[in-house]
């Protein structure tokens, strides 16, 4: 089973994945971008926000996604694979950057994933107050420096994309306690 944990930075995805790994070490965990050796190089370029072309940025994300699927997801299709981010983030950021068509983005991602979208998606939804509080406690990367309104716009695009694609999903209120969120995820994944 291929599961995406989606959401903007500081929403708690990584914390919840770490909790799952502790209680269920058999789960395979990974992340995009950066889950492969190619992905580490791509991530460095992407987080520096050094590309002038938003199309180049999109294509680099797609290249990482294709490599990630080939190297990690596909060989482990009979296990539970949880990815910290995936194609929903890709679509959300691309739409927030403008000048992209939803159907075109879906087709490109379908190509990168060999036609295999995730079995389930968990989207962590945060608010401005929590986002301000959490981002003030860390140094921001190039993408986060685009602004909190931008990140909330990305979040809305992620939510709308999941609903349009009708992939089984769980929307999590990321402002709830870590333990409450953990229990909701365990119940949803039946692990």
Protein backbone atom coordinates (compact mmCIF):
# COMPACT_ATOMS: atom_id res chain seq x y z
CA UNK A 1 0.00 0.00 0.00
CA UNK A 2 1.37 3.38 -1.06
CA UNK A 3 0.36 6.24 1.25
CA UNK A 4 1.18 9.94 1.05
CA UNK A 5 1.45 12.19 4.07
CA UNK A 6 0.85 15.62 2.56
CA UNK A 7 0.86 19.17 3.84
CA UNK A 8 2.86 22.37 3.91
CA UNK A 9 6.00 22.79 5.99
CA UNK A 10 5.69 22.66 9.80
CA UNK A 11 2.27 20.95 9.73
CA UNK A 12 3.51 17.85 11.58
CA UNK A 13 3.83 15.21 8.83
CA UNK A 14 7.38 14.21 9.73
CA UNK A 15 6.56 13.99 13.45
CA UNK A 16 3.71 11.59 12.74
CA UNK A 17 5.83 9.47 10.40
CA UNK A 18 8.48 9.16 13.13
CA UNK A 19 5.81 8.03 15.62
CA UNK A 20 4.56 5.40 13.16
CA UNK A 21 8.11 4.13 12.56
CA UNK A 22 8.59 3.61 16.31
CA UNK A 23 5.47 1.52 16.74
CA UNK A 24 5.54 -0.17 13.31
CA UNK A 25 9.17 -0.66 12.19
CA UNK A 26 7.98 -2.82 9.27
CA UNK A 27 6.58 0.29 7.53
CA UNK A 28 8.85 1.63 4.80
CA UNK A 29 9.18 5.40 5.03
CA UNK A 30 10.59 7.82 2.51
CA UNK A 31 10.22 11.44 1.42
CA UNK A 32 10.02 13.64 -1.66
CA UNK A 33 12.16 15.28 -2.75
CA UNK A 34 15.27 13.58 -1.42
CA UNK A 35 14.33 9.93 -0.86
CA UNK A 36 16.88 8.70 -3.43
CA UNK A 37 20.47 9.65 -4.25
CA UNK A 38 19.23 11.67 -7.24
CA UNK A 39 16.53 13.15 -5.01
CA UNK A 40 19.10 14.49 -2.54
CA UNK A 41 20.72 16.50 -5.34
CA UNK A 42 17.34 17.66 -6.67
CA UNK A 43 16.22 18.68 -3.15
CA UNK A 44 19.29 20.84 -2.71
CA UNK A 45 18.54 22.72 -5.94
CA UNK A 46 14.83 23.05 -5.13
CA UNK A 47 15.21 24.26 -1.55
CA UNK A 48 17.75 26.89 -2.61
CA UNK A 49 14.98 28.28 -4.85
CA UNK A 50 17.68 28.89 -7.45
CA UNK A 51 15.68 28.05 -10.59
CA UNK A 52 14.25 31.03 -12.44
CA UNK A 53 11.83 28.93 -14.46
CA UNK A 54 8.83 27.50 -12.62
CA UNK A 55 8.59 24.93 -15.44
CA UNK A 56 12.15 23.80 -14.74
CA UNK A 57 11.26 23.54 -11.05
CA UNK A 58 8.20 21.41 -11.91
CA UNK A 59 10.22 19.13 -14.21
CA UNK A 60 12.89 18.62 -11.55
CA UNK A 61 10.19 17.60 -9.05
CA UNK A 62 8.74 15.21 -11.65
CA UNK A 63 12.16 13.67 -12.36
CA UNK A 64 12.63 13.11 -8.64
CA UNK A 65 9.12 11.61 -8.38
CA UNK A 66 9.77 9.17 -11.25
CA UNK A 67 13.08 8.05 -9.71
CA UNK A 68 11.48 7.77 -6.28
CA UNK A 69 8.66 5.59 -7.61
CA UNK A 70 11.07 3.35 -9.56
CA UNK A 71 13.59 2.96 -6.74
CA UNK A 72 11.43 2.84 -3.59
CA UNK A 73 7.68 2.56 -4.13
CA UNK A 74 7.38 0.02 -6.93
CA UNK A 75 9.83 -2.58 -5.50
CA UNK A 76 7.97 -2.43 -2.15
CA UNK A 77 4.40 -2.47 -3.49
CA UNK A 78 3.46 -5.42 -1.25
CA UNK A 79 4.56 -3.56 1.89
CA UNK A 80 3.21 -0.37 3.44
CA UNK A 81 5.18 2.55 2.00
CA UNK A 82 4.61 5.98 3.53
CA UNK A 83 6.04 8.98 1.74
CA UNK A 84 6.50 12.35 3.40
CA UNK A 85 5.12 14.33 0.47
CA UNK A 86 4.40 13.29 -3.09
CA UNK A 87 2.53 14.31 -6.20
CA UNK A 88 -0.22 16.22 -4.35
CA UNK A 89 2.43 18.62 -3.05
CA UNK A 90 3.80 18.85 -6.57
CA UNK A 91 0.41 19.83 -7.96
CA UNK A 92 -0.32 22.21 -5.06
CA UNK A 93 2.95 24.12 -5.45
CA UNK A 94 2.69 24.20 -9.24
CA UNK A 95 -0.85 25.63 -9.10
CA UNK A 96 0.22 28.24 -6.53
CA UNK A 97 3.05 29.24 -8.88
CA UNK A 98 0.45 29.94 -11.56
CA UNK A 99 0.31 29.32 -15.31
CA UNK A 100 -0.26 25.57 -14.96
CA UNK A 101 -3.31 23.55 -15.92
CA UNK A 102 -4.62 21.01 -13.38
CA UNK A 103 -5.31 18.28 -15.96
CA UNK A 104 -1.88 18.76 -17.52
CA UNK A 105 -0.25 18.45 -14.08
CA UNK A 106 -2.23 15.27 -13.36
CA UNK A 107 -1.13 13.77 -16.69
CA UNK A 108 2.54 14.60 -16.03
CA UNK A 109 2.36 13.07 -12.55
CA UNK A 110 0.54 10.00 -13.85
CA UNK A 111 3.43 9.56 -16.31
CA UNK A 112 6.07 9.98 -13.56
CA UNK A 113 4.25 7.43 -11.35
CA UNK A 114 3.72 4.89 -14.17
CA UNK A 115 -0.02 5.39 -13.79
CA UNK A 116 -0.06 4.41 -10.08
CA UNK A 117 -1.43 7.09 -7.80
CA UNK A 118 -1.23 6.45 -4.04
CA UNK A 119 -3.79 4.18 -2.40
CA UNK A 120 -4.47 6.75 0.33
CA UNK A 121 -3.53 10.30 1.22
CA UNK A 122 -3.41 11.95 4.63
CA UNK A 123 -3.44 15.75 4.36
CA UNK A 124 -2.42 17.82 7.38
CA UNK A 125 -4.29 21.14 7.39
CA UNK A 126 -2.96 24.02 9.44
CA UNK A 127 -3.92 27.67 9.93
CA UNK A 128 -2.11 31.03 9.81
CA UNK A 129 -1.64 31.30 13.59
CA UNK A 130 -0.02 27.86 13.92
CA UNK A 131 2.02 28.40 10.76
CA UNK A 132 3.37 31.72 12.09
CA UNK A 133 4.24 30.17 15.44
CA UNK A 134 6.04 27.15 13.95
CA UNK A 135 7.92 28.94 11.16
CA UNK A 136 9.20 31.56 13.62
CA UNK A 137 11.10 28.77 15.40
CA UNK A 138 13.19 27.69 12.39
CA UNK A 139 15.28 29.08 9.58
CA UNK A 140 13.25 29.20 6.38
CA UNK A 141 14.26 27.59 3.10
CA UNK A 142 13.81 29.26 -0.29
CA UNK A 143 10.29 27.97 -0.80
CA UNK A 144 9.12 28.97 2.71
CA UNK A 145 10.53 32.45 2.09
CA UNK A 146 7.81 32.93 -0.56
CA UNK A 147 5.52 33.76 2.37
CA UNK A 148 2.92 32.25 4.66
CA UNK A 149 -0.01 33.32 2.46
CA UNK A 150 1.68 31.47 -0.40
CA UNK A 151 1.99 28.32 1.76
CA UNK A 152 -1.69 28.49 2.75
CA UNK A 153 -2.60 28.89 -0.92
CA UNK A 154 -0.54 25.73 -1.67
CA UNK A 155 -2.43 23.94 1.12
CA UNK A 156 -5.79 24.88 -0.42
CA UNK A 157 -4.66 23.64 -3.83
CA UNK A 158 -3.60 20.33 -2.23
CA UNK A 159 -7.01 19.90 -0.61
CA UNK A 160 -8.89 20.76 -3.81
CA UNK A 161 -6.68 18.38 -5.83
CA UNK A 162 -7.35 15.44 -3.52
CA UNK A 163 -11.09 16.07 -3.75
CA UNK A 164 -11.01 16.41 -7.55
CA UNK A 165 -9.01 13.20 -7.96
CA UNK A 166 -11.26 11.32 -5.54
CA UNK A 167 -8.39 9.40 -3.95
CA UNK A 168 -9.26 7.87 -0.54
CA UNK A 169 -8.09 10.41 2.03
CA UNK A 170 -8.10 11.67 5.58
CA UNK A 171 -7.95 15.38 6.36
CA UNK A 172 -6.17 16.01 9.67
CA UNK A 173 -6.49 19.17 11.75
CA UNK A 174 -2.78 19.84 12.27
CA UNK A 175 -3.52 22.14 15.23
CA UNK A 176 -4.68 19.19 17.36
CA UNK A 177 -2.35 17.44 19.82
CA UNK A 178 0.34 15.11 18.51
CA UNK A 179 -1.23 12.13 20.30
CA UNK A 180 -4.74 12.86 19.04
CA UNK A 181 -3.45 13.10 15.47
CA UNK A 182 -1.46 9.87 15.93
CA UNK A 183 -4.56 8.00 17.09
CA UNK A 184 -6.58 9.30 14.12
CA UNK A 185 -3.90 8.06 11.74
CA UNK A 186 -3.66 4.63 13.40
CA UNK A 187 -7.43 4.26 13.15
CA UNK A 188 -7.49 5.34 9.50
CA UNK A 189 -4.60 3.08 8.45
CA UNK A 190 -5.81 0.19 10.65
CA UNK A 191 -2.27 -0.53 11.90
